[in-house]
Amino acid sequence: MDIVKELKEQRDRLEAAISALEGGRSAGRGAANGRRRINPTTGNGRRKAKRRLSAAARKRISEAAKARWAKAKKAGRNAL
């Protein structure tokens, strides 16, 4: 096998291992094992503020979801 190809494969394996150890952050998604991280923190170790929706925002989201479901039901689809 070509030495350059071997080195590239080894690099890919190392990057995947590093990504798994860091919780998959470099892949742009959640933890590598599919579980949510407990107590997410900022880079300095302080806990992030929990984001909360207002009652009005929750209502708008609920109404939009119900409209999507009604549209899908009317079209005869069982799932969106």
Protein backbone atom coordinates (compact mmCIF):
# COMPACT_ATOMS: atom_id res chain seq x y z
CA MET A 1 0.00 0.00 0.00
CA ASP A 2 1.14 3.53 -0.67
CA ILE A 3 2.65 5.29 2.36
CA VAL A 4 0.65 8.47 1.72
CA LYS A 5 -2.59 6.49 1.62
CA GLU A 6 -1.70 4.74 4.88
CA LEU A 7 -0.90 8.04 6.56
CA LYS A 8 -4.19 9.57 5.41
CA GLU A 9 -6.14 6.58 6.74
CA GLN A 10 -4.33 6.82 10.05
CA ARG A 11 -5.09 10.57 10.18
CA ASP A 12 -8.78 9.86 9.57
CA ARG A 13 -8.85 7.28 12.36
CA LEU A 14 -7.15 9.70 14.75
CA GLU A 15 -9.56 12.51 13.85
CA ALA A 16 -12.52 10.21 14.44
CA ALA A 17 -11.11 9.16 17.82
CA ILE A 18 -10.49 12.78 18.84
CA SER A 19 -13.99 13.73 17.73
CA ALA A 20 -15.47 10.90 19.82
CA LEU A 21 -13.47 11.98 22.86
CA GLU A 22 -14.56 15.59 22.46
CA GLY A 23 -18.19 14.54 22.24
CA GLY A 24 -18.50 14.88 18.48
CA ARG A 25 -18.25 18.67 18.52
CA SER A 26 -16.02 18.79 15.44
CA ALA A 27 -18.63 16.82 13.50
CA GLY A 28 -21.18 19.55 14.11
CA ARG A 29 -23.64 17.41 16.04
CA GLY A 30 -24.30 16.10 19.53
CA ALA A 31 -22.36 13.53 21.49
CA ALA A 32 -20.88 10.67 19.48
CA ASN A 33 -22.88 8.04 21.39
CA GLY A 34 -26.20 9.78 20.61
CA ARG A 35 -26.86 10.82 24.19
CA ARG A 36 -27.36 14.39 25.31
CA ARG A 37 -24.67 15.98 27.39
CA ILE A 38 -25.58 16.69 30.98
CA ASN A 39 -24.80 20.16 32.33
CA PRO A 40 -23.57 21.80 29.14
CA THR A 41 -21.01 24.48 29.86
CA THR A 42 -19.45 27.39 28.09
CA GLY A 43 -15.77 27.27 27.24
CA ASN A 44 -14.82 28.68 30.64
CA GLY A 45 -16.59 25.98 32.68
CA ARG A 46 -19.61 28.06 33.66
CA ARG A 47 -23.01 26.58 33.03
CA LYS A 48 -24.93 27.93 30.05
CA ALA A 49 -28.16 29.76 30.75
CA LYS A 50 -31.19 27.64 29.90
CA ARG A 51 -33.11 29.01 26.95
CA ARG A 52 -36.82 29.34 27.62
CA LEU A 53 -39.69 30.13 25.30
CA SER A 54 -42.38 32.60 26.18
CA ALA A 55 -45.96 31.38 26.38
CA ALA A 56 -46.74 33.27 23.17
CA ALA A 57 -43.87 31.59 21.33
CA ARG A 58 -44.97 28.14 22.53
CA LYS A 59 -48.49 28.89 21.35
CA ARG A 60 -47.27 29.97 17.88
CA ILE A 61 -45.18 26.81 17.55
CA SER A 62 -48.12 24.67 18.69
CA GLU A 63 -50.49 26.29 16.21
CA ALA A 64 -47.99 25.88 13.38
CA ALA A 65 -47.51 22.19 14.22
CA LYS A 66 -51.26 21.60 14.37
CA ALA A 67 -51.64 23.30 10.98
CA ARG A 68 -48.94 21.02 9.51
CA TRP A 69 -50.64 17.93 10.96
CA ALA A 70 -54.04 19.02 9.63
CA LYS A 71 -52.55 19.61 6.18
CA ALA A 72 -50.90 16.18 6.21
CA LYS A 73 -54.10 14.50 7.40
CA LYS A 74 -56.09 16.24 4.70
CA ALA A 75 -53.57 15.03 2.10
CA GLY A 76 -54.08 11.45 3.38
CA ARG A 77 -50.61 10.99 4.81
CA ASN A 78 -50.15 9.17 8.12
CA ALA A 79 -46.85 10.92 8.89
CA LEU A 80 -45.27 14.21 8.00
